[in-house]
Amino acid sequence: MNKMIIGSLLATAFALTGCATSQPIGAIYTDINAPVTATSNAEASKTGTATCKSYLAMVAIGDCSIDAAKKNGNISRVSHVDQKSNNILGLIGTYTVTVKGE
């Protein structure tokens, strides 16, 4: 009986612990906007985006770097960078980086 209780407690402890992440992630569904960085450049007349995709949490493709978003928006001076994450059950994920600047 004691072994069963200890085993149950250990299983519960492992189930309640998870990998630490820098942003909130839902196990079933994620749809968040999160800041990445900001600079002292206050002007933000241009916007550029870059997107990556993930399939079955096994294959990820695309270039969602800040440099790619800067290039897509013709931005030379960055004001701030945000990230949007959308994932459903780990099946299909879309990750977009948005850069604003001039």
PDB file of N, CA and C in Angstrom:
ATOM      1  N   MET A   1       0.823  -1.197   0.000  1.00  0.00           N
ATOM      2  CA  MET A   1       0.000   0.000   0.000  1.00  0.00           C
ATOM      3  C   MET A   1       0.865   1.257   0.000  1.00  0.00           C
ATOM      4  N   ASN A   2       1.921   1.276   0.839  1.00  0.00           N
ATOM      5  CA  ASN A   2       2.815   2.429   0.889  1.00  0.00           C
ATOM      6  C   ASN A   2       3.503   2.648  -0.451  1.00  0.00           C
ATOM      7  N   LYS A   3       3.882   1.542  -1.126  1.00  0.00           N
ATOM      8  CA  LYS A   3       4.534   1.670  -2.427  1.00  0.00           C
ATOM      9  C   LYS A   3       3.580   2.284  -3.449  1.00  0.00           C
ATOM     10  N   MET A   4       2.311   1.938  -3.342  1.00  0.00           N
ATOM     11  CA  MET A   4       1.325   2.480  -4.266  1.00  0.00           C
ATOM     12  C   MET A   4       1.142   3.982  -4.035  1.00  0.00           C
ATOM     13  N   ILE A   5       1.122   4.405  -2.790  1.00  0.00           N
ATOM     14  CA  ILE A   5       0.974   5.829  -2.472  1.00  0.00           C
ATOM     15  C   ILE A   5       2.198   6.604  -2.935  1.00  0.00           C
ATOM     16  N   ILE A   6       3.378   6.077  -2.670  1.00  0.00           N
ATOM     17  CA  ILE A   6       4.616   6.742  -3.081  1.00  0.00           C
ATOM     18  C   ILE A   6       4.683   6.813  -4.606  1.00  0.00           C
ATOM     19  N   GLY A   7       4.319   5.729  -5.264  1.00  0.00           N
ATOM     20  CA  GLY A   7       4.309   5.719  -6.732  1.00  0.00           C
ATOM     21  C   GLY A   7       3.336   6.743  -7.293  1.00  0.00           C
ATOM     22  N   SER A   8       2.171   6.854  -6.686  1.00  0.00           N
ATOM     23  CA  SER A   8       1.176   7.836  -7.130  1.00  0.00           C
ATOM     24  C   SER A   8       1.675   9.264  -6.923  1.00  0.00           C
ATOM     25  N   LEU A   9       2.306   9.506  -5.798  1.00  0.00           N
ATOM     26  CA  LEU A   9       2.859  10.842  -5.532  1.00  0.00           C
ATOM     27  C   LEU A   9       3.954  11.196  -6.529  1.00  0.00           C
ATOM     28  N   LEU A  10       4.828  10.244  -6.826  1.00  0.00           N
ATOM     29  CA  LEU A  10       5.896  10.495  -7.797  1.00  0.00           C
ATOM     30  C   LEU A  10       5.318  10.743  -9.187  1.00  0.00           C
ATOM     31  N   ALA A  11       4.336   9.956  -9.585  1.00  0.00           N
ATOM     32  CA  ALA A  11       3.700  10.142 -10.895  1.00  0.00           C
ATOM     33  C   ALA A  11       3.044  11.508 -10.981  1.00  0.00           C
ATOM     34  N   THR A  12       2.388  11.925  -9.915  1.00  0.00           N
ATOM     35  CA  THR A  12       1.749  13.241  -9.886  1.00  0.00           C
ATOM     36  C   THR A  12       2.793  14.348  -9.958  1.00  0.00           C
ATOM     37  N   ALA A  13       3.882  14.199  -9.233  1.00  0.00           N
ATOM     38  CA  ALA A  13       4.948  15.205  -9.256  1.00  0.00           C
ATOM     39  C   ALA A  13       5.536  15.339 -10.657  1.00  0.00           C
ATOM     40  N   PHE A  14       5.776  14.223 -11.330  1.00  0.00           N
ATOM     41  CA  PHE A  14       6.314  14.281 -12.685  1.00  0.00           C
ATOM     42  C   PHE A  14       5.312  14.886 -13.658  1.00  0.00           C
ATOM     43  N   ALA A  15       4.042  14.602 -13.481  1.00  0.00           N
ATOM     44  CA  ALA A  15       3.016  15.131 -14.368  1.00  0.00           C
ATOM     45  C   ALA A  15       2.844  16.632 -14.197  1.00  0.00           C
ATOM     46  N   LEU A  16       3.055  17.139 -12.995  1.00  0.00           N
ATOM     47  CA  LEU A  16       2.864  18.558 -12.723  1.00  0.00           C
ATOM     48  C   LEU A  16       4.086  19.401 -13.026  1.00  0.00           C
ATOM     49  N   THR A  17       5.227  18.762 -13.220  1.00  0.00           N
ATOM     50  CA  THR A  17       6.423  19.516 -13.581  1.00  0.00           C
ATOM     51  C   THR A  17       6.546  19.496 -15.087  1.00  0.00           C
ATOM     52  N   GLY A  18       7.149  20.506 -15.627  1.00  0.00           N
ATOM     53  CA  GLY A  18       7.295  20.572 -17.077  1.00  0.00           C
ATOM     54  C   GLY A  18       8.556  21.315 -17.425  1.00  0.00           C
ATOM     55  N   CYS A  19       8.778  21.421 -18.685  1.00  0.00           N
ATOM     56  CA  CYS A  19       9.924  22.175 -19.165  1.00  0.00           C
ATOM     57  C   CYS A  19       9.660  23.661 -18.955  1.00  0.00           C
ATOM     58  N   ALA A  20      10.658  24.361 -18.488  1.00  0.00           N
ATOM     59  CA  ALA A  20      10.527  25.803 -18.305  1.00  0.00           C
ATOM     60  C   ALA A  20      10.631  26.473 -19.674  1.00  0.00           C
ATOM     61  N   THR A  21       9.763  27.423 -19.933  1.00  0.00           N
ATOM     62  CA  THR A  21       9.789  28.147 -21.196  1.00  0.00           C
ATOM     63  C   THR A  21       9.800  29.640 -20.935  1.00  0.00           C
ATOM     64  N   SER A  22      10.243  30.380 -21.926  1.00  0.00           N
ATOM     65  CA  SER A  22      10.297  31.833 -21.777  1.00  0.00           C
ATOM     66  C   SER A  22       8.959  32.495 -22.102  1.00  0.00           C
ATOM     67  N   GLN A  23       8.004  31.710 -22.591  1.00  0.00           N
ATOM     68  CA  GLN A  23       6.679  32.230 -22.877  1.00  0.00           C
ATOM     69  C   GLN A  23       5.634  31.176 -22.532  1.00  0.00           C
ATOM     70  N   PRO A  24       4.421  31.598 -22.302  1.00  0.00           N
ATOM     71  CA  PRO A  24       3.391  30.619 -21.953  1.00  0.00           C
ATOM     72  C   PRO A  24       3.061  29.714 -23.135  1.00  0.00           C
ATOM     73  N   ILE A  25       2.940  28.422 -22.863  1.00  0.00           N
ATOM     74  CA  ILE A  25       2.617  27.445 -23.900  1.00  0.00           C
ATOM     75  C   ILE A  25       1.504  26.552 -23.386  1.00  0.00           C
ATOM     76  N   GLY A  26       0.440  26.431 -24.160  1.00  0.00           N
ATOM     77  CA  GLY A  26      -0.668  25.552 -23.797  1.00  0.00           C
ATOM     78  C   GLY A  26      -0.438  24.171 -24.386  1.00  0.00           C
ATOM     79  N   ALA A  27      -0.716  23.141 -23.643  1.00  0.00           N
ATOM     80  CA  ALA A  27      -0.529  21.775 -24.134  1.00  0.00           C
ATOM     81  C   ALA A  27      -1.515  21.439 -25.239  1.00  0.00           C
ATOM     82  N   ILE A  28      -2.702  22.032 -25.209  1.00  0.00           N
ATOM     83  CA  ILE A  28      -3.720  21.737 -26.210  1.00  0.00           C
ATOM     84  C   ILE A  28      -3.774  22.843 -27.268  1.00  0.00           C
ATOM     85  N   TYR A  29      -3.746  24.085 -26.828  1.00  0.00           N
ATOM     86  CA  TYR A  29      -3.886  25.206 -27.758  1.00  0.00           C
ATOM     87  C   TYR A  29      -3.078  26.388 -27.266  1.00  0.00           C
ATOM     88  N   THR A  30      -2.350  27.013 -28.175  1.00  0.00           N
ATOM     89  CA  THR A  30      -1.595  28.226 -27.869  1.00  0.00           C
ATOM     90  C   THR A  30      -1.914  29.281 -28.905  1.00  0.00           C
ATOM     91  N   ASP A  31      -2.233  30.486 -28.466  1.00  0.00           N
ATOM     92  CA  ASP A  31      -2.432  31.624 -29.357  1.00  0.00           C
ATOM     93  C   ASP A  31      -2.055  32.865 -28.570  1.00  0.00           C
ATOM     94  N   ILE A  32      -0.777  33.246 -28.651  1.00  0.00           N
ATOM     95  CA  ILE A  32      -0.289  34.366 -27.846  1.00  0.00           C
ATOM     96  C   ILE A  32       0.477  35.371 -28.698  1.00  0.00           C
ATOM     97  N   ASN A  33       0.531  36.588 -28.208  1.00  0.00           N
ATOM     98  CA  ASN A  33       1.413  37.633 -28.708  1.00  0.00           C
ATOM     99  C   ASN A  33       2.351  37.970 -27.572  1.00  0.00           C
ATOM    100  N   ALA A  34       3.642  38.026 -27.874  1.00  0.00           N
ATOM    101  CA  ALA A  34       4.617  38.285 -26.814  1.00  0.00           C
ATOM    102  C   ALA A  34       5.691  39.250 -27.319  1.00  0.00           C
ATOM    103  N   PRO A  35       6.192  40.103 -26.434  1.00  0.00           N
ATOM    104  CA  PRO A  35       7.280  40.990 -26.824  1.00  0.00           C
ATOM    105  C   PRO A  35       8.596  40.225 -26.898  1.00  0.00           C
ATOM    106  N   VAL A  36       9.463  40.672 -27.787  1.00  0.00           N
ATOM    107  CA  VAL A  36      10.796  40.084 -27.882  1.00  0.00           C
ATOM    108  C   VAL A  36      11.828  41.086 -27.399  1.00  0.00           C
ATOM    109  N   THR A  37      11.808  42.284 -27.978  1.00  0.00           N
ATOM    110  CA  THR A  37      12.775  43.305 -27.582  1.00  0.00           C
ATOM    111  C   THR A  37      12.294  44.688 -28.014  1.00  0.00           C
ATOM    112  N   ALA A  38      12.904  45.715 -27.459  1.00  0.00           N
ATOM    113  CA  ALA A  38      12.642  47.097 -27.848  1.00  0.00           C
ATOM    114  C   ALA A  38      13.962  47.852 -27.809  1.00  0.00           C
ATOM    115  N   THR A  39      14.046  48.892 -28.631  1.00  0.00           N
ATOM    116  CA  THR A  39      15.261  49.701 -28.681  1.00  0.00           C
ATOM    117  C   THR A  39      14.920  51.144 -28.322  1.00  0.00           C
ATOM    118  N   SER A  40      15.912  51.998 -28.352  1.00  0.00           N
ATOM    119  CA  SER A  40      15.681  53.412 -28.055  1.00  0.00           C
ATOM    120  C   SER A  40      15.139  54.157 -29.270  1.00  0.00           C
ATOM    121  N   ASN A  41      15.083  53.505 -30.428  1.00  0.00           N
ATOM    122  CA  ASN A  41      14.518  54.116 -31.633  1.00  0.00           C
ATOM    123  C   ASN A  41      12.998  54.150 -31.507  1.00  0.00           C
ATOM    124  N   ALA A  42      12.435  55.323 -31.306  1.00  0.00           N
ATOM    125  CA  ALA A  42      10.994  55.439 -31.043  1.00  0.00           C
ATOM    126  C   ALA A  42      10.155  55.413 -32.313  1.00  0.00           C
ATOM    127  N   GLU A  43      10.730  55.756 -33.452  1.00  0.00           N
ATOM    128  CA  GLU A  43       9.953  55.822 -34.683  1.00  0.00           C
ATOM    129  C   GLU A  43       9.717  54.426 -35.254  1.00  0.00           C
ATOM    130  N   ALA A  44       8.476  54.188 -35.683  1.00  0.00           N
ATOM    131  CA  ALA A  44       8.114  52.878 -36.222  1.00  0.00           C
ATOM    132  C   ALA A  44       7.114  53.046 -37.355  1.00  0.00           C
ATOM    133  N   SER A  45       7.575  53.602 -38.482  1.00  0.00           N
ATOM    134  CA  SER A  45       6.673  53.840 -39.608  1.00  0.00           C
ATOM    135  C   SER A  45       6.561  52.631 -40.533  1.00  0.00           C
ATOM    136  N   LYS A  46       7.456  51.648 -40.410  1.00  0.00           N
ATOM    137  CA  LYS A  46       7.439  50.469 -41.273  1.00  0.00           C
ATOM    138  C   LYS A  46       7.246  49.201 -40.436  1.00  0.00           C
ATOM    139  N   THR A  47       6.662  48.174 -41.077  1.00  0.00           N
ATOM    140  CA  THR A  47       6.459  46.890 -40.420  1.00  0.00           C
ATOM    141  C   THR A  47       6.913  45.767 -41.345  1.00  0.00           C
ATOM    142  N   GLY A  48       7.642  44.819 -40.788  1.00  0.00           N
ATOM    143  CA  GLY A  48       8.055  43.638 -41.540  1.00  0.00           C
ATOM    144  C   GLY A  48       7.755  42.389 -40.735  1.00  0.00           C
ATOM    145  N   THR A  49       7.381  41.309 -41.418  1.00  0.00           N
ATOM    146  CA  THR A  49       7.087  40.051 -40.735  1.00  0.00           C
ATOM    147  C   THR A  49       7.852  38.903 -41.378  1.00  0.00           C
ATOM    148  N   ALA A  50       8.058  37.864 -40.595  1.00  0.00           N
ATOM    149  CA  ALA A  50       8.673  36.627 -41.072  1.00  0.00           C
ATOM    150  C   ALA A  50       8.006  35.477 -40.324  1.00  0.00           C
ATOM    151  N   THR A  51       7.731  34.376 -41.033  1.00  0.00           N
ATOM    152  CA  THR A  51       6.944  33.285 -40.461  1.00  0.00           C
ATOM    153  C   THR A  51       7.636  31.937 -40.607  1.00  0.00           C
ATOM    154  N   CYS A  52       7.485  31.106 -39.579  1.00  0.00           N
ATOM    155  CA  CYS A  52       7.942  29.707 -39.581  1.00  0.00           C
ATOM    156  C   CYS A  52       6.736  28.821 -39.309  1.00  0.00           C
ATOM    157  N   LYS A  53       6.810  27.580 -39.766  1.00  0.00           N
ATOM    158  CA  LYS A  53       5.729  26.611 -39.521  1.00  0.00           C
ATOM    159  C   LYS A  53       6.317  25.349 -38.905  1.00  0.00           C
ATOM    160  N   SER A  54       5.498  24.694 -38.087  1.00  0.00           N
ATOM    161  CA  SER A  54       5.869  23.426 -37.462  1.00  0.00           C
ATOM    162  C   SER A  54       4.747  22.430 -37.724  1.00  0.00           C
ATOM    163  N   TYR A  55       5.134  21.203 -38.094  1.00  0.00           N
ATOM    164  CA  TYR A  55       4.157  20.158 -38.381  1.00  0.00           C
ATOM    165  C   TYR A  55       4.425  18.945 -37.503  1.00  0.00           C
ATOM    166  N   LEU A  56       3.402  18.508 -36.797  1.00  0.00           N
ATOM    167  CA  LEU A  56       3.456  17.332 -35.923  1.00  0.00           C
ATOM    168  C   LEU A  56       4.546  17.434 -34.860  1.00  0.00           C
ATOM    169  N   ALA A  57       4.972  18.623 -34.552  1.00  0.00           N
ATOM    170  CA  ALA A  57       6.053  18.868 -33.584  1.00  0.00           C
ATOM    171  C   ALA A  57       7.300  18.080 -33.932  1.00  0.00           C
ATOM    172  N   MET A  58       7.432  17.733 -35.231  1.00  0.00           N
ATOM    173  CA  MET A  58       8.579  16.960 -35.683  1.00  0.00           C
ATOM    174  C   MET A  58       9.357  17.657 -36.790  1.00  0.00           C
ATOM    175  N   VAL A  59       8.675  18.469 -37.597  1.00  0.00           N
ATOM    176  CA  VAL A  59       9.314  19.163 -38.708  1.00  0.00           C
ATOM    177  C   VAL A  59       9.000  20.642 -38.576  1.00  0.00           C
ATOM    178  N   ALA A  60      10.025  21.464 -38.636  1.00  0.00           N
ATOM    179  CA  ALA A  60       9.840  22.911 -38.585  1.00  0.00           C
ATOM    180  C   ALA A  60      10.593  23.528 -39.751  1.00  0.00           C
ATOM    181  N   ILE A  61       9.929  24.429 -40.478  1.00  0.00           N
ATOM    182  CA  ILE A  61      10.552  25.051 -41.638  1.00  0.00           C
ATOM    183  C   ILE A  61      10.265  26.546 -41.643  1.00  0.00           C
ATOM    184  N   GLY A  62      11.124  27.280 -42.330  1.00  0.00           N
ATOM    185  CA  GLY A  62      10.923  28.711 -42.496  1.00  0.00           C
ATOM    186  C   GLY A  62      12.017  29.524 -41.844  1.00  0.00           C
ATOM    187  N   ASP A  63      12.014  30.789 -42.136  1.00  0.00           N
ATOM    188  CA  ASP A  63      12.964  31.734 -41.557  1.00  0.00           C
ATOM    189  C   ASP A  63      12.164  32.813 -40.846  1.00  0.00           C
ATOM    190  N   CYS A  64      12.047  32.695 -39.546  1.00  0.00           N
ATOM    191  CA  CYS A  64      11.313  33.708 -38.785  1.00  0.00           C
ATOM    192  C   CYS A  64      12.281  34.504 -37.911  1.00  0.00           C
ATOM    193  N   SER A  65      13.413  34.838 -38.506  1.00  0.00           N
ATOM    194  CA  SER A  65      14.419  35.618 -37.791  1.00  0.00           C
ATOM    195  C   SER A  65      14.085  37.109 -37.860  1.00  0.00           C
ATOM    196  N   ILE A  66      14.697  37.868 -36.991  1.00  0.00           N
ATOM    197  CA  ILE A  66      14.534  39.314 -37.006  1.00  0.00           C
ATOM    198  C   ILE A  66      15.091  39.888 -38.303  1.00  0.00           C
ATOM    199  N   ASP A  67      16.212  39.353 -38.767  1.00  0.00           N
ATOM    200  CA  ASP A  67      16.800  39.826 -40.023  1.00  0.00           C
ATOM    201  C   ASP A  67      15.859  39.615 -41.203  1.00  0.00           C
ATOM    202  N   ALA A  68      15.183  38.463 -41.264  1.00  0.00           N
ATOM    203  CA  ALA A  68      14.239  38.201 -42.351  1.00  0.00           C
ATOM    204  C   ALA A  68      13.064  39.181 -42.288  1.00  0.00           C
ATOM    205  N   ALA A  69      12.558  39.453 -41.099  1.00  0.00           N
ATOM    206  CA  ALA A  69      11.446  40.396 -40.956  1.00  0.00           C
ATOM    207  C   ALA A  69      11.894  41.815 -41.331  1.00  0.00           C
ATOM    208  N   LYS A  70      13.115  42.184 -40.938  1.00  0.00           N
ATOM    209  CA  LYS A  70      13.656  43.498 -41.320  1.00  0.00           C
ATOM    210  C   LYS A  70      13.737  43.624 -42.835  1.00  0.00           C
ATOM    211  N   LYS A  71      14.224  42.590 -43.479  1.00  0.00           N
ATOM    212  CA  LYS A  71      14.360  42.594 -44.935  1.00  0.00           C
ATOM    213  C   LYS A  71      12.988  42.687 -45.600  1.00  0.00           C
ATOM    214  N   ASN A  72      12.012  41.918 -45.099  1.00  0.00           N
ATOM    215  CA  ASN A  72      10.666  41.936 -45.672  1.00  0.00           C
ATOM    216  C   ASN A  72       9.965  43.281 -45.505  1.00  0.00           C
ATOM    217  N   GLY A  73      10.333  44.033 -44.486  1.00  0.00           N
ATOM    218  CA  GLY A  73       9.727  45.347 -44.247  1.00  0.00           C
ATOM    219  C   GLY A  73      10.601  46.504 -44.677  1.00  0.00           C
ATOM    220  N   ASN A  74      11.768  46.203 -45.286  1.00  0.00           N
ATOM    221  CA  ASN A  74      12.718  47.237 -45.696  1.00  0.00           C
ATOM    222  C   ASN A  74      13.059  48.159 -44.526  1.00  0.00           C
ATOM    223  N   ILE A  75      13.411  47.534 -43.399  1.00  0.00           N
ATOM    224  CA  ILE A  75      13.695  48.260 -42.156  1.00  0.00           C
ATOM    225  C   ILE A  75      15.195  48.235 -41.887  1.00  0.00           C
ATOM    226  N   SER A  76      15.753  49.401 -41.569  1.00  0.00           N
ATOM    227  CA  SER A  76      17.175  49.464 -41.229  1.00  0.00           C
ATOM    228  C   SER A  76      17.389  49.747 -39.738  1.00  0.00           C
ATOM    229  N   ARG A  77      16.446  50.471 -39.119  1.00  0.00           N
ATOM    230  CA  ARG A  77      16.545  50.770 -37.680  1.00  0.00           C
ATOM    231  C   ARG A  77      15.319  50.216 -36.976  1.00  0.00           C
ATOM    232  N   VAL A  78      15.541  49.301 -36.057  1.00  0.00           N
ATOM    233  CA  VAL A  78      14.454  48.599 -35.373  1.00  0.00           C
ATOM    234  C   VAL A  78      13.967  49.404 -34.173  1.00  0.00           C
ATOM    235  N   SER A  79      12.637  49.495 -34.040  1.00  0.00           N
ATOM    236  CA  SER A  79      12.026  50.108 -32.872  1.00  0.00           C
ATOM    237  C   SER A  79      11.692  49.028 -31.842  1.00  0.00           C
ATOM    238  N   HIS A  80      10.927  48.017 -32.287  1.00  0.00           N
ATOM    239  CA  HIS A  80      10.619  46.906 -31.385  1.00  0.00           C
ATOM    240  C   HIS A  80      10.254  45.653 -32.187  1.00  0.00           C
ATOM    241  N   VAL A  81      10.326  44.513 -31.498  1.00  0.00           N
ATOM    242  CA  VAL A  81      10.074  43.214 -32.112  1.00  0.00           C
ATOM    243  C   VAL A  81       9.068  42.464 -31.240  1.00  0.00           C
ATOM    244  N   ASP A  82       8.057  41.889 -31.895  1.00  0.00           N
ATOM    245  CA  ASP A  82       7.055  41.075 -31.218  1.00  0.00           C
ATOM    246  C   ASP A  82       6.984  39.709 -31.892  1.00  0.00           C
ATOM    247  N   GLN A  83       6.449  38.728 -31.165  1.00  0.00           N
ATOM    248  CA  GLN A  83       6.287  37.384 -31.711  1.00  0.00           C
ATOM    249  C   GLN A  83       4.865  36.899 -31.461  1.00  0.00           C
ATOM    250  N   LYS A  84       4.265  36.272 -32.463  1.00  0.00           N
ATOM    251  CA  LYS A  84       2.953  35.651 -32.326  1.00  0.00           C
ATOM    252  C   LYS A  84       3.145  34.154 -32.502  1.00  0.00           C
ATOM    253  N   SER A  85       2.617  33.382 -31.553  1.00  0.00           N
ATOM    254  CA  SER A  85       2.693  31.922 -31.603  1.00  0.00           C
ATOM    255  C   SER A  85       1.294  31.344 -31.615  1.00  0.00           C
ATOM    256  N   ASN A  86       1.057  30.419 -32.532  1.00  0.00           N
ATOM    257  CA  ASN A  86      -0.220  29.730 -32.625  1.00  0.00           C
ATOM    258  C   ASN A  86       0.076  28.255 -32.856  1.00  0.00           C
ATOM    259  N   ASN A  87      -0.436  27.387 -31.975  1.00  0.00           N
ATOM    260  CA  ASN A  87      -0.176  25.963 -32.083  1.00  0.00           C
ATOM    261  C   ASN A  87      -1.396  25.195 -31.595  1.00  0.00           C
ATOM    262  N   ILE A  88      -1.781  24.183 -32.360  1.00  0.00           N
ATOM    263  CA  ILE A  88      -2.924  23.350 -32.001  1.00  0.00           C
ATOM    264  C   ILE A  88      -2.452  21.913 -31.828  1.00  0.00           C
ATOM    265  N   LEU A  89      -2.460  21.444 -30.576  1.00  0.00           N
ATOM    266  CA  LEU A  89      -2.100  20.066 -30.221  1.00  0.00           C
ATOM    267  C   LEU A  89      -0.723  19.633 -30.722  1.00  0.00           C
ATOM    268  N   GLY A  90       0.138  20.570 -31.042  1.00  0.00           N
ATOM    269  CA  GLY A  90       1.439  20.216 -31.577  1.00  0.00           C
ATOM    270  C   GLY A  90       1.369  19.718 -33.009  1.00  0.00           C
ATOM    271  N   LEU A  91       0.181  19.750 -33.605  1.00  0.00           N
ATOM    272  CA  LEU A  91       0.012  19.261 -34.977  1.00  0.00           C
ATOM    273  C   LEU A  91       0.470  20.291 -35.999  1.00  0.00           C
ATOM    274  N   ILE A  92      -0.039  21.517 -35.852  1.00  0.00           N
ATOM    275  CA  ILE A  92       0.334  22.591 -36.760  1.00  0.00           C
ATOM    276  C   ILE A  92       0.634  23.831 -35.931  1.00  0.00           C
ATOM    277  N   GLY A  93       1.808  24.370 -36.116  1.00  0.00           N
ATOM    278  CA  GLY A  93       2.189  25.583 -35.404  1.00  0.00           C
ATOM    279  C   GLY A  93       2.636  26.654 -36.373  1.00  0.00           C
ATOM    280  N   THR A  94       2.262  27.885 -36.108  1.00  0.00           N
ATOM    281  CA  THR A  94       2.694  29.025 -36.904  1.00  0.00           C
ATOM    282  C   THR A  94       3.315  30.038 -35.958  1.00  0.00           C
ATOM    283  N   TYR A  95       4.513  30.486 -36.301  1.00  0.00           N
ATOM    284  CA  TYR A  95       5.258  31.421 -35.461  1.00  0.00           C
ATOM    285  C   TYR A  95       5.667  32.603 -36.334  1.00  0.00           C
ATOM    286  N   THR A  96       5.219  33.807 -35.951  1.00  0.00           N
ATOM    287  CA  THR A  96       5.471  34.995 -36.747  1.00  0.00           C
ATOM    288  C   THR A  96       6.210  36.029 -35.908  1.00  0.00           C
ATOM    289  N   VAL A  97       7.286  36.562 -36.483  1.00  0.00           N
ATOM    290  CA  VAL A  97       8.039  37.639 -35.851  1.00  0.00           C
ATOM    291  C   VAL A  97       7.681  38.920 -36.591  1.00  0.00           C
ATOM    292  N   THR A  98       7.305  39.956 -35.840  1.00  0.00           N
ATOM    293  CA  THR A  98       6.964  41.258 -36.418  1.00  0.00           C
ATOM    294  C   THR A  98       7.967  42.283 -35.929  1.00  0.00           C
ATOM    295  N   VAL A  99       8.595  42.978 -36.882  1.00  0.00           N
ATOM    296  CA  VAL A  99       9.575  44.013 -36.572  1.00  0.00           C
ATOM    297  C   VAL A  99       8.985  45.341 -37.005  1.00  0.00           C
ATOM    298  N   LYS A 100       9.063  46.329 -36.137  1.00  0.00           N
ATOM    299  CA  LYS A 100       8.627  47.682 -36.477  1.00  0.00           C
ATOM    300  C   LYS A 100       9.830  48.609 -36.365  1.00  0.00           C
ATOM    301  N   GLY A 101       9.891  49.547 -37.261  1.00  0.00           N
ATOM    302  CA  GLY A 101      11.017  50.484 -37.269  1.00  0.00           C
ATOM    303  C   GLY A 101      10.963  51.407 -38.452  1.00  0.00           C
ATOM    304  N   GLU A 102      12.138  51.875 -38.850  1.00  0.00           N
ATOM    305  CA  GLU A 102      12.209  52.789 -40.012  1.00  0.00           C
ATOM    306  C   GLU A 102      13.336  52.384 -40.938  1.00  0.00           C
TER     307      GLU A 102
END
